[in-house]
Amino acid sequence: MNKKLVPKVGVIVGSKSDLPTIEKVEQQLKDFGINYELTIASAHRTPEKVKKFAQEAEKKYDLIIAAAGMAAALPGVVAAHTTLPVIGLPIHSPALSGHDALFSIVQMPPGVPVATVAIDGAKNAAILAAQILALKYPNLKLRLKKFKRALRK
């Protein structure tokens, strides 16, 4: 748990090629005043780094957004090693238009839940993170209400 009264999200992506999508997550988190830290680690290429990230996450973050394309094992592997909420962000890939990533993330076994947003749903991943964090951070709830009001205009 954070000692400060500012929420912090761990954002982990499977590859540098995922960074253009993650920019939308970063911008939305900034707009809400949520701190974040970005890590690049692959569930397939650097599994020990992913495991360490997940196991140490509770000391640093309130929540995790894990983004990956193709086989997209990253969100599930992270969720298997932490009790923090994990939001899975499937990223579009040319071969199957991101459906492979979506199905990999959404079809988790019992006991390893991953909240899932749409393919390339980066902005919604950040908004969902803010909604979860608002349960603990009252000032964030006020920012969300303002954001939702602005959507109606």
C-alpha atoms as a PDB file:
ATOM      1  CA  MET A   1       0.000   0.000   0.000  1.00  0.00           C
ATOM      2  CA  ASN A   2       1.254   3.481  -0.826  1.00  0.00           C
ATOM      3  CA  LYS A   3       2.202   5.742   2.051  1.00  0.00           C
ATOM      4  CA  LYS A   4       1.231   8.817   0.032  1.00  0.00           C
ATOM      5  CA  LEU A   5      -2.343   9.754  -0.738  1.00  0.00           C
ATOM      6  CA  VAL A   6      -1.672   9.646  -4.463  1.00  0.00           C
ATOM      7  CA  PRO A   7      -2.652   6.508  -6.357  1.00  0.00           C
ATOM      8  CA  LYS A   8      -0.006   4.706  -8.365  1.00  0.00           C
ATOM      9  CA  VAL A   9      -0.546   2.219 -11.177  1.00  0.00           C
ATOM     10  CA  GLY A  10       1.958  -0.282 -12.475  1.00  0.00           C
ATOM     11  CA  VAL A  11       1.733  -0.412 -16.263  1.00  0.00           C
ATOM     12  CA  ILE A  12       3.441  -3.393 -17.860  1.00  0.00           C
ATOM     13  CA  VAL A  13       3.680  -4.132 -21.571  1.00  0.00           C
ATOM     14  CA  GLY A  14       5.029  -7.157 -23.364  1.00  0.00           C
ATOM     15  CA  SER A  15       7.027  -5.330 -26.019  1.00  0.00           C
ATOM     16  CA  LYS A  16       8.295  -1.920 -27.124  1.00  0.00           C
ATOM     17  CA  SER A  17       5.974  -2.267 -30.111  1.00  0.00           C
ATOM     18  CA  ASP A  18       3.051  -1.881 -27.665  1.00  0.00           C
ATOM     19  CA  LEU A  19       4.156   1.599 -26.581  1.00  0.00           C
ATOM     20  CA  PRO A  20       2.063   3.623 -29.085  1.00  0.00           C
ATOM     21  CA  THR A  21      -1.110   2.102 -27.587  1.00  0.00           C
ATOM     22  CA  ILE A  22       0.155   2.646 -24.051  1.00  0.00           C
ATOM     23  CA  GLU A  23       0.593   6.378 -24.683  1.00  0.00           C
ATOM     24  CA  LYS A  24      -3.207   6.675 -24.445  1.00  0.00           C
ATOM     25  CA  VAL A  25      -3.164   4.918 -21.058  1.00  0.00           C
ATOM     26  CA  GLU A  26      -0.427   7.241 -19.843  1.00  0.00           C
ATOM     27  CA  GLN A  27      -2.243  10.366 -20.995  1.00  0.00           C
ATOM     28  CA  GLN A  28      -5.538   9.378 -19.372  1.00  0.00           C
ATOM     29  CA  LEU A  29      -3.816   8.467 -16.096  1.00  0.00           C
ATOM     30  CA  LYS A  30      -2.055  11.855 -16.146  1.00  0.00           C
ATOM     31  CA  ASP A  31      -5.379  13.600 -16.807  1.00  0.00           C
ATOM     32  CA  PHE A  32      -6.779  11.985 -13.657  1.00  0.00           C
ATOM     33  CA  GLY A  33      -3.670  12.834 -11.617  1.00  0.00           C
ATOM     34  CA  ILE A  34      -2.709   9.185 -11.206  1.00  0.00           C
ATOM     35  CA  ASN A  35       0.976   8.349 -10.982  1.00  0.00           C
ATOM     36  CA  TYR A  36       2.226   5.365 -12.917  1.00  0.00           C
ATOM     37  CA  GLU A  37       5.376   3.456 -13.692  1.00  0.00           C
ATOM     38  CA  LEU A  38       5.971   1.715 -17.021  1.00  0.00           C
ATOM     39  CA  THR A  39       7.753  -1.634 -17.292  1.00  0.00           C
ATOM     40  CA  ILE A  40       8.491  -3.598 -20.460  1.00  0.00           C
ATOM     41  CA  ALA A  41       8.635  -7.331 -19.850  1.00  0.00           C
ATOM     42  CA  SER A  42       7.438 -10.331 -21.840  1.00  0.00           C
ATOM     43  CA  ALA A  43       5.714 -13.332 -20.294  1.00  0.00           C
ATOM     44  CA  HIS A  44       7.413 -15.462 -22.956  1.00  0.00           C
ATOM     45  CA  ARG A  45      10.836 -13.836 -23.371  1.00  0.00           C
ATOM     46  CA  THR A  46      11.528 -12.539 -19.847  1.00  0.00           C
ATOM     47  CA  PRO A  47       9.248 -14.558 -17.548  1.00  0.00           C
ATOM     48  CA  GLU A  48      11.415 -14.088 -14.442  1.00  0.00           C
ATOM     49  CA  LYS A  49      11.237 -10.302 -14.853  1.00  0.00           C
ATOM     50  CA  VAL A  50       7.433 -10.515 -15.105  1.00  0.00           C
ATOM     51  CA  LYS A  51       7.225 -12.715 -12.015  1.00  0.00           C
ATOM     52  CA  LYS A  52       9.438 -10.332 -10.027  1.00  0.00           C
ATOM     53  CA  PHE A  53       7.374  -7.326 -11.194  1.00  0.00           C
ATOM     54  CA  ALA A  54       4.150  -8.982 -10.046  1.00  0.00           C
ATOM     55  CA  GLN A  55       5.513 -10.204  -6.734  1.00  0.00           C
ATOM     56  CA  GLU A  56       6.896  -6.770  -5.829  1.00  0.00           C
ATOM     57  CA  ALA A  57       3.910  -4.826  -7.164  1.00  0.00           C
ATOM     58  CA  GLU A  58       2.010  -4.669  -3.872  1.00  0.00           C
ATOM     59  CA  LYS A  59       4.837  -2.652  -2.335  1.00  0.00           C
ATOM     60  CA  LYS A  60       4.632   0.003  -5.061  1.00  0.00           C
ATOM     61  CA  TYR A  61       1.231   0.067  -6.742  1.00  0.00           C
ATOM     62  CA  ASP A  62      -2.478   0.070  -6.058  1.00  0.00           C
ATOM     63  CA  LEU A  63      -3.414  -1.639  -9.320  1.00  0.00           C
ATOM     64  CA  ILE A  64      -1.828  -3.010 -12.507  1.00  0.00           C
ATOM     65  CA  ILE A  65      -2.616  -2.490 -16.180  1.00  0.00           C
ATOM     66  CA  ALA A  66      -1.022  -5.256 -18.261  1.00  0.00           C
ATOM     67  CA  ALA A  67      -1.033  -4.899 -22.039  1.00  0.00           C
ATOM     68  CA  ALA A  68      -0.019  -7.463 -24.621  1.00  0.00           C
ATOM     69  CA  GLY A  69      -0.764  -8.622 -28.124  1.00  0.00           C
ATOM     70  CA  MET A  70      -0.916 -11.990 -29.859  1.00  0.00           C
ATOM     71  CA  ALA A  71      -0.794 -14.824 -27.275  1.00  0.00           C
ATOM     72  CA  ALA A  72      -1.104 -12.157 -24.522  1.00  0.00           C
ATOM     73  CA  ALA A  73      -0.131 -14.311 -21.566  1.00  0.00           C
ATOM     74  CA  LEU A  74       1.217 -11.272 -19.712  1.00  0.00           C
ATOM     75  CA  PRO A  75      -1.935 -10.137 -17.855  1.00  0.00           C
ATOM     76  CA  GLY A  76      -2.693 -13.657 -16.642  1.00  0.00           C
ATOM     77  CA  VAL A  77       0.861 -14.348 -15.525  1.00  0.00           C
ATOM     78  CA  VAL A  78       0.912 -11.060 -13.624  1.00  0.00           C
ATOM     79  CA  ALA A  79      -2.467 -11.840 -12.013  1.00  0.00           C
ATOM     80  CA  ALA A  80      -1.194 -15.271 -10.957  1.00  0.00           C
ATOM     81  CA  HIS A  81       1.572 -13.659  -8.907  1.00  0.00           C
ATOM     82  CA  THR A  82      -0.253 -10.779  -7.172  1.00  0.00           C
ATOM     83  CA  THR A  83      -3.418 -10.035  -5.234  1.00  0.00           C
ATOM     84  CA  LEU A  84      -3.721  -6.574  -6.803  1.00  0.00           C
ATOM     85  CA  PRO A  85      -6.437  -5.985  -9.376  1.00  0.00           C
ATOM     86  CA  VAL A  86      -5.119  -6.512 -12.910  1.00  0.00           C
ATOM     87  CA  ILE A  87      -6.672  -4.877 -15.953  1.00  0.00           C
ATOM     88  CA  GLY A  88      -5.771  -6.656 -19.175  1.00  0.00           C
ATOM     89  CA  LEU A  89      -5.438  -4.580 -22.327  1.00  0.00           C
ATOM     90  CA  PRO A  90      -5.417  -6.682 -25.520  1.00  0.00           C
ATOM     91  CA  ILE A  91      -3.388  -5.060 -28.283  1.00  0.00           C
ATOM     92  CA  HIS A  92      -4.165  -5.369 -31.974  1.00  0.00           C
ATOM     93  CA  SER A  93      -1.841  -7.490 -34.052  1.00  0.00           C
ATOM     94  CA  PRO A  94      -2.028  -7.999 -37.822  1.00  0.00           C
ATOM     95  CA  ALA A  95      -2.496 -11.770 -37.860  1.00  0.00           C
ATOM     96  CA  LEU A  96      -5.832 -12.011 -36.025  1.00  0.00           C
ATOM     97  CA  SER A  97      -6.740  -8.333 -35.507  1.00  0.00           C
ATOM     98  CA  GLY A  98      -6.205  -8.624 -31.759  1.00  0.00           C
ATOM     99  CA  HIS A  99      -8.798 -11.351 -31.238  1.00  0.00           C
ATOM    100  CA  ASP A 100      -6.059 -13.750 -30.166  1.00  0.00           C
ATOM    101  CA  ALA A 101      -5.000 -11.326 -27.426  1.00  0.00           C
ATOM    102  CA  LEU A 102      -8.591 -10.643 -26.371  1.00  0.00           C
ATOM    103  CA  PHE A 103      -9.438 -14.331 -25.993  1.00  0.00           C
ATOM    104  CA  SER A 104      -6.173 -15.036 -24.156  1.00  0.00           C
ATOM    105  CA  ILE A 105      -6.900 -12.317 -21.611  1.00  0.00           C
ATOM    106  CA  VAL A 106     -10.622 -12.787 -21.137  1.00  0.00           C
ATOM    107  CA  GLN A 107     -10.556 -16.601 -20.758  1.00  0.00           C
ATOM    108  CA  MET A 108      -8.769 -16.868 -17.430  1.00  0.00           C
ATOM    109  CA  PRO A 109      -9.141 -19.891 -15.140  1.00  0.00           C
ATOM    110  CA  PRO A 110     -11.020 -19.630 -11.830  1.00  0.00           C
ATOM    111  CA  GLY A 111      -8.943 -17.925  -9.155  1.00  0.00           C
ATOM    112  CA  VAL A 112      -6.904 -15.797 -11.572  1.00  0.00           C
ATOM    113  CA  PRO A 113      -9.242 -12.990 -12.638  1.00  0.00           C
ATOM    114  CA  VAL A 114      -8.196 -10.305 -15.095  1.00  0.00           C
ATOM    115  CA  ALA A 115     -10.558  -7.428 -15.861  1.00  0.00           C
ATOM    116  CA  THR A 116     -10.501  -6.978 -19.613  1.00  0.00           C
ATOM    117  CA  VAL A 117     -11.195  -4.012 -21.881  1.00  0.00           C
ATOM    118  CA  ALA A 118     -11.632  -3.904 -25.650  1.00  0.00           C
ATOM    119  CA  ILE A 119      -8.864  -4.490 -28.170  1.00  0.00           C
ATOM    120  CA  ASP A 120      -6.712  -1.338 -28.058  1.00  0.00           C
ATOM    121  CA  GLY A 121      -9.085  -0.006 -25.370  1.00  0.00           C
ATOM    122  CA  ALA A 122      -6.269   1.946 -23.735  1.00  0.00           C
ATOM    123  CA  LYS A 123      -8.356   4.897 -22.629  1.00  0.00           C
ATOM    124  CA  ASN A 124     -10.968   2.623 -21.037  1.00  0.00           C
ATOM    125  CA  ALA A 125      -8.227   0.685 -19.238  1.00  0.00           C
ATOM    126  CA  ALA A 126      -7.114   3.918 -17.578  1.00  0.00           C
ATOM    127  CA  ILE A 127     -10.708   4.980 -16.814  1.00  0.00           C
ATOM    128  CA  LEU A 128     -11.475   1.578 -15.271  1.00  0.00           C
ATOM    129  CA  ALA A 129      -8.301   1.878 -13.202  1.00  0.00           C
ATOM    130  CA  ALA A 130      -9.451   5.303 -11.988  1.00  0.00           C
ATOM    131  CA  GLN A 131     -12.892   3.962 -11.080  1.00  0.00           C
ATOM    132  CA  ILE A 132     -11.371   1.156  -9.008  1.00  0.00           C
ATOM    133  CA  LEU A 133      -8.892   3.510  -7.349  1.00  0.00           C
ATOM    134  CA  ALA A 134     -11.643   6.034  -6.560  1.00  0.00           C
ATOM    135  CA  LEU A 135     -12.925   3.581  -3.947  1.00  0.00           C
ATOM    136  CA  LYS A 136      -9.794   4.394  -1.935  1.00  0.00           C
ATOM    137  CA  TYR A 137      -8.966   7.932  -3.093  1.00  0.00           C
ATOM    138  CA  PRO A 138     -11.881  10.403  -2.629  1.00  0.00           C
ATOM    139  CA  ASN A 139     -10.278  13.198  -4.685  1.00  0.00           C
ATOM    140  CA  LEU A 140     -10.098  10.859  -7.643  1.00  0.00           C
ATOM    141  CA  LYS A 141     -13.822  10.201  -7.346  1.00  0.00           C
ATOM    142  CA  LEU A 142     -14.435  13.939  -7.778  1.00  0.00           C
ATOM    143  CA  ARG A 143     -12.251  14.017 -10.906  1.00  0.00           C
ATOM    144  CA  LEU A 144     -14.167  11.053 -12.328  1.00  0.00           C
ATOM    145  CA  LYS A 145     -17.502  12.760 -11.751  1.00  0.00           C
ATOM    146  CA  LYS A 146     -16.220  15.834 -13.580  1.00  0.00           C
ATOM    147  CA  PHE A 147     -14.938  13.614 -16.412  1.00  0.00           C
ATOM    148  CA  LYS A 148     -18.300  11.816 -16.726  1.00  0.00           C
ATOM    149  CA  ARG A 149     -20.195  15.133 -16.762  1.00  0.00           C
ATOM    150  CA  ALA A 150     -17.961  16.339 -19.592  1.00  0.00           C
ATOM    151  CA  LEU A 151     -18.890  13.255 -21.640  1.00  0.00           C
ATOM    152  CA  ARG A 152     -22.515  14.378 -21.658  1.00  0.00           C
ATOM    153  CA  LYS A 153     -21.720  17.677 -23.390  1.00  0.00           C
END
